[in-house]
Amino acid sequence: MPVTLERKSIVSATLDEVWKRVVHPDGINYELAPFIRMTVPRKLNGQTIDDVELGRFVCRSWFLLFGVLPATFRTVPVR
């Protein structure tokens, strides 16, 4: 017989507040920590994923293992 596990979390924030955190580079790095950190170019300081035009080149981001060792980089387009 299969076993089903369910886990729920109660978040004391509105959906808009959560979304603003999720699409911000600080929120992305919070989710990746402590194993990986994603770099963000200075020209994008203060911007979020919601602020960029869809379908255009956004940036090249390095993914740093433990926040310091370059592991790989990604060219980030938004589709």
PDB file of N, CA and C in Angstrom:
ATOM      1  N   MET A   1       0.844  -1.174   0.000  1.00  0.00           N
ATOM      2  CA  MET A   1       0.000   0.000   0.000  1.00  0.00           C
ATOM      3  C   MET A   1       0.903   1.255   0.000  1.00  0.00           C
ATOM      4  N   PRO A   2       0.653   2.220  -0.920  1.00  0.00           N
ATOM      5  CA  PRO A   2       1.462   3.432  -0.979  1.00  0.00           C
ATOM      6  C   PRO A   2       1.247   4.317   0.256  1.00  0.00           C
ATOM      7  N   VAL A   3       2.298   4.999   0.619  1.00  0.00           N
ATOM      8  CA  VAL A   3       2.259   5.926   1.746  1.00  0.00           C
ATOM      9  C   VAL A   3       2.280   7.346   1.193  1.00  0.00           C
ATOM     10  N   THR A   4       1.405   8.195   1.679  1.00  0.00           N
ATOM     11  CA  THR A   4       1.359   9.587   1.258  1.00  0.00           C
ATOM     12  C   THR A   4       1.735  10.473   2.439  1.00  0.00           C
ATOM     13  N   LEU A   5       2.703  11.335   2.199  1.00  0.00           N
ATOM     14  CA  LEU A   5       3.111  12.303   3.214  1.00  0.00           C
ATOM     15  C   LEU A   5       2.696  13.685   2.754  1.00  0.00           C
ATOM     16  N   GLU A   6       2.229  14.480   3.664  1.00  0.00           N
ATOM     17  CA  GLU A   6       1.830  15.842   3.337  1.00  0.00           C
ATOM     18  C   GLU A   6       2.473  16.776   4.339  1.00  0.00           C
ATOM     19  N   ARG A   7       2.993  17.882   3.831  1.00  0.00           N
ATOM     20  CA  ARG A   7       3.614  18.874   4.700  1.00  0.00           C
ATOM     21  C   ARG A   7       3.061  20.239   4.329  1.00  0.00           C
ATOM     22  N   LYS A   8       2.692  21.009   5.314  1.00  0.00           N
ATOM     23  CA  LYS A   8       2.156  22.346   5.070  1.00  0.00           C
ATOM     24  C   LYS A   8       2.990  23.369   5.821  1.00  0.00           C
ATOM     25  N   SER A   9       3.070  24.540   5.245  1.00  0.00           N
ATOM     26  CA  SER A   9       3.755  25.657   5.889  1.00  0.00           C
ATOM     27  C   SER A   9       2.802  26.837   5.934  1.00  0.00           C
ATOM     28  N   ILE A  10       2.813  27.509   7.046  1.00  0.00           N
ATOM     29  CA  ILE A  10       2.016  28.722   7.179  1.00  0.00           C
ATOM     30  C   ILE A  10       2.971  29.896   7.052  1.00  0.00           C
ATOM     31  N   VAL A  11       2.691  30.750   6.099  1.00  0.00           N
ATOM     32  CA  VAL A  11       3.538  31.912   5.836  1.00  0.00           C
ATOM     33  C   VAL A  11       2.778  33.151   6.265  1.00  0.00           C
ATOM     34  N   SER A  12       3.412  33.914   7.134  1.00  0.00           N
ATOM     35  CA  SER A  12       2.736  35.118   7.636  1.00  0.00           C
ATOM     36  C   SER A  12       3.063  36.329   6.759  1.00  0.00           C
ATOM     37  N   ALA A  13       2.727  36.201   5.489  1.00  0.00           N
ATOM     38  CA  ALA A  13       2.927  37.288   4.532  1.00  0.00           C
ATOM     39  C   ALA A  13       1.872  37.149   3.452  1.00  0.00           C
ATOM     40  N   THR A  14       1.622  38.256   2.779  1.00  0.00           N
ATOM     41  CA  THR A  14       0.657  38.214   1.676  1.00  0.00           C
ATOM     42  C   THR A  14       1.319  37.577   0.451  1.00  0.00           C
ATOM     43  N   LEU A  15       0.516  37.171  -0.490  1.00  0.00           N
ATOM     44  CA  LEU A  15       1.028  36.601  -1.731  1.00  0.00           C
ATOM     45  C   LEU A  15       1.938  37.595  -2.446  1.00  0.00           C
ATOM     46  N   ASP A  16       1.557  38.871  -2.468  1.00  0.00           N
ATOM     47  CA  ASP A  16       2.386  39.905  -3.106  1.00  0.00           C
ATOM     48  C   ASP A  16       3.746  40.036  -2.420  1.00  0.00           C
ATOM     49  N   GLU A  17       3.769  39.990  -1.099  1.00  0.00           N
ATOM     50  CA  GLU A  17       5.033  40.099  -0.354  1.00  0.00           C
ATOM     51  C   GLU A  17       5.939  38.906  -0.648  1.00  0.00           C
ATOM     52  N   VAL A  18       5.363  37.722  -0.702  1.00  0.00           N
ATOM     53  CA  VAL A  18       6.144  36.525  -1.002  1.00  0.00           C
ATOM     54  C   VAL A  18       6.696  36.610  -2.425  1.00  0.00           C
ATOM     55  N   TRP A  19       5.868  37.011  -3.380  1.00  0.00           N
ATOM     56  CA  TRP A  19       6.309  37.105  -4.768  1.00  0.00           C
ATOM     57  C   TRP A  19       7.460  38.097  -4.913  1.00  0.00           C
ATOM     58  N   LYS A  20       7.362  39.259  -4.254  1.00  0.00           N
ATOM     59  CA  LYS A  20       8.424  40.262  -4.335  1.00  0.00           C
ATOM     60  C   LYS A  20       9.751  39.696  -3.843  1.00  0.00           C
ATOM     61  N   ARG A  21       9.707  38.837  -2.848  1.00  0.00           N
ATOM     62  CA  ARG A  21      10.920  38.221  -2.320  1.00  0.00           C
ATOM     63  C   ARG A  21      11.464  37.145  -3.268  1.00  0.00           C
ATOM     64  N   VAL A  22      10.580  36.352  -3.836  1.00  0.00           N
ATOM     65  CA  VAL A  22      10.975  35.238  -4.691  1.00  0.00           C
ATOM     66  C   VAL A  22      11.645  35.713  -5.972  1.00  0.00           C
ATOM     67  N   VAL A  23      11.212  36.821  -6.546  1.00  0.00           N
ATOM     68  CA  VAL A  23      11.763  37.292  -7.821  1.00  0.00           C
ATOM     69  C   VAL A  23      12.948  38.245  -7.659  1.00  0.00           C
ATOM     70  N   HIS A  24      13.315  38.558  -6.430  1.00  0.00           N
ATOM     71  CA  HIS A  24      14.440  39.451  -6.160  1.00  0.00           C
ATOM     72  C   HIS A  24      15.725  38.615  -6.020  1.00  0.00           C
ATOM     73  N   PRO A  25      16.860  39.096  -6.531  1.00  0.00           N
ATOM     74  CA  PRO A  25      18.110  38.337  -6.402  1.00  0.00           C
ATOM     75  C   PRO A  25      18.441  37.916  -4.969  1.00  0.00           C
ATOM     76  N   ASP A  26      18.137  38.756  -3.991  1.00  0.00           N
ATOM     77  CA  ASP A  26      18.391  38.378  -2.594  1.00  0.00           C
ATOM     78  C   ASP A  26      17.575  37.154  -2.198  1.00  0.00           C
ATOM     79  N   GLY A  27      16.334  37.094  -2.660  1.00  0.00           N
ATOM     80  CA  GLY A  27      15.475  35.952  -2.362  1.00  0.00           C
ATOM     81  C   GLY A  27      15.948  34.691  -3.059  1.00  0.00           C
ATOM     82  N   ILE A  28      16.406  34.845  -4.303  1.00  0.00           N
ATOM     83  CA  ILE A  28      16.928  33.704  -5.052  1.00  0.00           C
ATOM     84  C   ILE A  28      18.161  33.143  -4.341  1.00  0.00           C
ATOM     85  N   ASN A  29      19.075  34.024  -3.944  1.00  0.00           N
ATOM     86  CA  ASN A  29      20.280  33.572  -3.254  1.00  0.00           C
ATOM     87  C   ASN A  29      19.970  32.987  -1.882  1.00  0.00           C
ATOM     88  N   TYR A  30      18.941  33.478  -1.237  1.00  0.00           N
ATOM     89  CA  TYR A  30      18.529  32.911   0.045  1.00  0.00           C
ATOM     90  C   TYR A  30      18.116  31.449  -0.138  1.00  0.00           C
ATOM     91  N   GLU A  31      17.398  31.179  -1.222  1.00  0.00           N
ATOM     92  CA  GLU A  31      16.956  29.808  -1.503  1.00  0.00           C
ATOM     93  C   GLU A  31      18.122  28.901  -1.870  1.00  0.00           C
ATOM     94  N   LEU A  32      19.136  29.434  -2.535  1.00  0.00           N
ATOM     95  CA  LEU A  32      20.280  28.633  -2.959  1.00  0.00           C
ATOM     96  C   LEU A  32      21.295  28.395  -1.838  1.00  0.00           C
ATOM     97  N   ALA A  33      21.322  29.270  -0.846  1.00  0.00           N
ATOM     98  CA  ALA A  33      22.310  29.215   0.240  1.00  0.00           C
ATOM     99  C   ALA A  33      22.135  27.955   1.071  1.00  0.00           C
ATOM    100  N   PRO A  34      23.186  27.491   1.678  1.00  0.00           N
ATOM    101  CA  PRO A  34      24.560  28.014   1.707  1.00  0.00           C
ATOM    102  C   PRO A  34      25.464  27.412   0.654  1.00  0.00           C
ATOM    103  N   PHE A  35      24.935  26.556  -0.205  1.00  0.00           N
ATOM    104  CA  PHE A  35      25.783  25.819  -1.139  1.00  0.00           C
ATOM    105  C   PHE A  35      26.142  26.594  -2.394  1.00  0.00           C
ATOM    106  N   ILE A  36      25.241  27.427  -2.867  1.00  0.00           N
ATOM    107  CA  ILE A  36      25.467  28.153  -4.123  1.00  0.00           C
ATOM    108  C   ILE A  36      25.023  29.602  -3.955  1.00  0.00           C
ATOM    109  N   ARG A  37      25.742  30.492  -4.633  1.00  0.00           N
ATOM    110  CA  ARG A  37      25.329  31.897  -4.705  1.00  0.00           C
ATOM    111  C   ARG A  37      25.378  32.302  -6.166  1.00  0.00           C
ATOM    112  N   MET A  38      24.389  33.025  -6.616  1.00  0.00           N
ATOM    113  CA  MET A  38      24.318  33.494  -7.993  1.00  0.00           C
ATOM    114  C   MET A  38      24.722  34.968  -8.030  1.00  0.00           C
ATOM    115  N   THR A  39      25.628  35.310  -8.937  1.00  0.00           N
ATOM    116  CA  THR A  39      26.019  36.713  -9.061  1.00  0.00           C
ATOM    117  C   THR A  39      24.994  37.467  -9.899  1.00  0.00           C
ATOM    118  N   VAL A  40      24.920  38.757  -9.665  1.00  0.00           N
ATOM    119  CA  VAL A  40      24.023  39.629 -10.426  1.00  0.00           C
ATOM    120  C   VAL A  40      24.825  40.883 -10.785  1.00  0.00           C
ATOM    121  N   PRO A  41      24.872  41.258 -12.069  1.00  0.00           N
ATOM    122  CA  PRO A  41      25.620  42.450 -12.466  1.00  0.00           C
ATOM    123  C   PRO A  41      25.096  43.711 -11.775  1.00  0.00           C
ATOM    124  N   ARG A  42      26.000  44.638 -11.534  1.00  0.00           N
ATOM    125  CA  ARG A  42      25.634  45.898 -10.867  1.00  0.00           C
ATOM    126  C   ARG A  42      24.537  46.656 -11.592  1.00  0.00           C
ATOM    127  N   LYS A  43      24.532  46.562 -12.928  1.00  0.00           N
ATOM    128  CA  LYS A  43      23.524  47.302 -13.692  1.00  0.00           C
ATOM    129  C   LYS A  43      22.103  46.828 -13.369  1.00  0.00           C
ATOM    130  N   LEU A  44      21.977  45.662 -12.751  1.00  0.00           N
ATOM    131  CA  LEU A  44      20.658  45.134 -12.393  1.00  0.00           C
ATOM    132  C   LEU A  44      20.320  45.332 -10.920  1.00  0.00           C
ATOM    133  N   ASN A  45      21.185  46.048 -10.181  1.00  0.00           N
ATOM    134  CA  ASN A  45      20.894  46.309  -8.764  1.00  0.00           C
ATOM    135  C   ASN A  45      19.522  46.949  -8.598  1.00  0.00           C
ATOM    136  N   GLY A  46      18.747  46.418  -7.689  1.00  0.00           N
ATOM    137  CA  GLY A  46      17.426  46.964  -7.423  1.00  0.00           C
ATOM    138  C   GLY A  46      16.339  46.432  -8.330  1.00  0.00           C
ATOM    139  N   GLN A  47      16.704  45.642  -9.345  1.00  0.00           N
ATOM    140  CA  GLN A  47      15.705  45.098 -10.257  1.00  0.00           C
ATOM    141  C   GLN A  47      15.352  43.667  -9.867  1.00  0.00           C
ATOM    142  N   THR A  48      14.211  43.225 -10.348  1.00  0.00           N
ATOM    143  CA  THR A  48      13.772  41.852 -10.118  1.00  0.00           C
ATOM    144  C   THR A  48      13.466  41.216 -11.469  1.00  0.00           C
ATOM    145  N   ILE A  49      13.136  39.948 -11.443  1.00  0.00           N
ATOM    146  CA  ILE A  49      12.755  39.252 -12.668  1.00  0.00           C
ATOM    147  C   ILE A  49      11.551  39.935 -13.313  1.00  0.00           C
ATOM    148  N   ASP A  50      10.665  40.482 -12.501  1.00  0.00           N
ATOM    149  CA  ASP A  50       9.481  41.166 -13.028  1.00  0.00           C
ATOM    150  C   ASP A  50       9.814  42.444 -13.789  1.00  0.00           C
ATOM    151  N   ASP A  51      11.011  42.989 -13.589  1.00  0.00           N
ATOM    152  CA  ASP A  51      11.373  44.277 -14.189  1.00  0.00           C
ATOM    153  C   ASP A  51      11.984  44.182 -15.583  1.00  0.00           C
ATOM    154  N   VAL A  52      12.312  42.986 -16.032  1.00  0.00           N
ATOM    155  CA  VAL A  52      12.996  42.866 -17.321  1.00  0.00           C
ATOM    156  C   VAL A  52      12.021  42.506 -18.431  1.00  0.00           C
ATOM    157  N   GLU A  53      12.397  42.899 -19.636  1.00  0.00           N
ATOM    158  CA  GLU A  53      11.558  42.635 -20.809  1.00  0.00           C
ATOM    159  C   GLU A  53      11.683  41.165 -21.208  1.00  0.00           C
ATOM    160  N   LEU A  54      10.566  40.521 -21.430  1.00  0.00           N
ATOM    161  CA  LEU A  54      10.568  39.118 -21.820  1.00  0.00           C
ATOM    162  C   LEU A  54      11.239  38.917 -23.170  1.00  0.00           C
ATOM    163  N   GLY A  55      12.003  37.833 -23.314  1.00  0.00           N
ATOM    164  CA  GLY A  55      12.610  37.476 -24.575  1.00  0.00           C
ATOM    165  C   GLY A  55      13.926  38.154 -24.893  1.00  0.00           C
ATOM    166  N   ARG A  56      14.446  38.980 -24.000  1.00  0.00           N
ATOM    167  CA  ARG A  56      15.723  39.640 -24.277  1.00  0.00           C
ATOM    168  C   ARG A  56      16.801  39.115 -23.345  1.00  0.00           C
ATOM    169  N   PHE A  57      18.066  39.274 -23.764  1.00  0.00           N
ATOM    170  CA  PHE A  57      19.201  38.895 -22.933  1.00  0.00           C
ATOM    171  C   PHE A  57      19.179  39.733 -21.665  1.00  0.00           C
ATOM    172  N   VAL A  58      19.347  39.091 -20.545  1.00  0.00           N
ATOM    173  CA  VAL A  58      19.327  39.813 -19.275  1.00  0.00           C
ATOM    174  C   VAL A  58      20.734  39.977 -18.730  1.00  0.00           C
ATOM    175  N   CYS A  59      21.441  38.875 -18.542  1.00  0.00           N
ATOM    176  CA  CYS A  59      22.780  38.957 -17.983  1.00  0.00           C
ATOM    177  C   CYS A  59      23.451  37.590 -18.047  1.00  0.00           C
ATOM    178  N   ARG A  60      24.697  37.578 -17.674  1.00  0.00           N
ATOM    179  CA  ARG A  60      25.422  36.330 -17.462  1.00  0.00           C
ATOM    180  C   ARG A  60      25.693  36.270 -15.964  1.00  0.00           C
ATOM    181  N   SER A  61      25.293  35.185 -15.343  1.00  0.00           N
ATOM    182  CA  SER A  61      25.458  35.024 -13.903  1.00  0.00           C
ATOM    183  C   SER A  61      26.366  33.844 -13.603  1.00  0.00           C
ATOM    184  N   TRP A  62      27.283  34.076 -12.678  1.00  0.00           N
ATOM    185  CA  TRP A  62      28.126  33.001 -12.188  1.00  0.00           C
ATOM    186  C   TRP A  62      27.428  32.329 -11.014  1.00  0.00           C
ATOM    187  N   PHE A  63      27.557  31.030 -10.951  1.00  0.00           N
ATOM    188  CA  PHE A  63      27.078  30.270  -9.804  1.00  0.00           C
ATOM    189  C   PHE A  63      28.307  29.860  -9.008  1.00  0.00           C
ATOM    190  N   LEU A  64      28.386  30.343  -7.781  1.00  0.00           N
ATOM    191  CA  LEU A  64      29.570  30.156  -6.958  1.00  0.00           C
ATOM    192  C   LEU A  64      29.306  29.107  -5.883  1.00  0.00           C
ATOM    193  N   LEU A  65      30.104  28.046  -5.910  1.00  0.00           N
ATOM    194  CA  LEU A  65      29.986  26.986  -4.921  1.00  0.00           C
ATOM    195  C   LEU A  65      30.437  27.520  -3.564  1.00  0.00           C
ATOM    196  N   PHE A  66      29.600  27.343  -2.576  1.00  0.00           N
ATOM    197  CA  PHE A  66      29.828  27.871  -1.221  1.00  0.00           C
ATOM    198  C   PHE A  66      30.045  29.384  -1.232  1.00  0.00           C
ATOM    199  N   GLY A  67      29.545  30.035  -2.263  1.00  0.00           N
ATOM    200  CA  GLY A  67      29.596  31.488  -2.347  1.00  0.00           C
ATOM    201  C   GLY A  67      30.897  32.065  -2.851  1.00  0.00           C
ATOM    202  N   VAL A  68      31.910  31.210  -3.128  1.00  0.00           N
ATOM    203  CA  VAL A  68      33.211  31.745  -3.535  1.00  0.00           C
ATOM    204  C   VAL A  68      33.856  31.040  -4.725  1.00  0.00           C
ATOM    205  N   LEU A  69      33.649  29.751  -4.908  1.00  0.00           N
ATOM    206  CA  LEU A  69      34.302  29.006  -5.974  1.00  0.00           C
ATOM    207  C   LEU A  69      33.446  28.986  -7.237  1.00  0.00           C
ATOM    208  N   PRO A  70      33.932  29.585  -8.335  1.00  0.00           N
ATOM    209  CA  PRO A  70      33.137  29.568  -9.565  1.00  0.00           C
ATOM    210  C   PRO A  70      32.880  28.125 -10.020  1.00  0.00           C
ATOM    211  N   ALA A  71      31.621  27.761 -10.141  1.00  0.00           N
ATOM    212  CA  ALA A  71      31.252  26.408 -10.543  1.00  0.00           C
ATOM    213  C   ALA A  71      30.812  26.389 -12.004  1.00  0.00           C
ATOM    214  N   THR A  72      29.987  27.331 -12.384  1.00  0.00           N
ATOM    215  CA  THR A  72      29.494  27.422 -13.756  1.00  0.00           C
ATOM    216  C   THR A  72      28.899  28.809 -13.945  1.00  0.00           C
ATOM    217  N   PHE A  73      28.604  29.161 -15.175  1.00  0.00           N
ATOM    218  CA  PHE A  73      27.880  30.400 -15.409  1.00  0.00           C
ATOM    219  C   PHE A  73      26.746  30.118 -16.361  1.00  0.00           C
ATOM    220  N   ARG A  74      25.762  30.958 -16.328  1.00  0.00           N
ATOM    221  CA  ARG A  74      24.588  30.825 -17.188  1.00  0.00           C
ATOM    222  C   ARG A  74      24.303  32.171 -17.836  1.00  0.00           C
ATOM    223  N   THR A  75      23.980  32.119 -19.111  1.00  0.00           N
ATOM    224  CA  THR A  75      23.443  33.286 -19.782  1.00  0.00           C
ATOM    225  C   THR A  75      21.959  33.259 -19.504  1.00  0.00           C
ATOM    226  N   VAL A  76      21.455  34.329 -18.931  1.00  0.00           N
ATOM    227  CA  VAL A  76      20.073  34.335 -18.451  1.00  0.00           C
ATOM    228  C   VAL A  76      19.177  35.125 -19.396  1.00  0.00           C
ATOM    229  N   PRO A  77      18.436  34.415 -20.243  1.00  0.00           N
ATOM    230  CA  PRO A  77      17.386  35.089 -21.005  1.00  0.00           C
ATOM    231  C   PRO A  77      16.071  34.869 -20.286  1.00  0.00           C
ATOM    232  N   VAL A  78      15.159  35.761 -20.459  1.00  0.00           N
ATOM    233  CA  VAL A  78      13.826  35.560 -19.897  1.00  0.00           C
ATOM    234  C   VAL A  78      12.916  35.231 -21.058  1.00  0.00           C
ATOM    235  N   ARG A  79      12.214  34.139 -20.951  1.00  0.00           N
ATOM    236  CA  ARG A  79      11.324  33.701 -22.038  1.00  0.00           C
ATOM    237  C   ARG A  79       9.893  33.882 -21.633  1.00  0.00           C
TER     238      ARG A  79
END
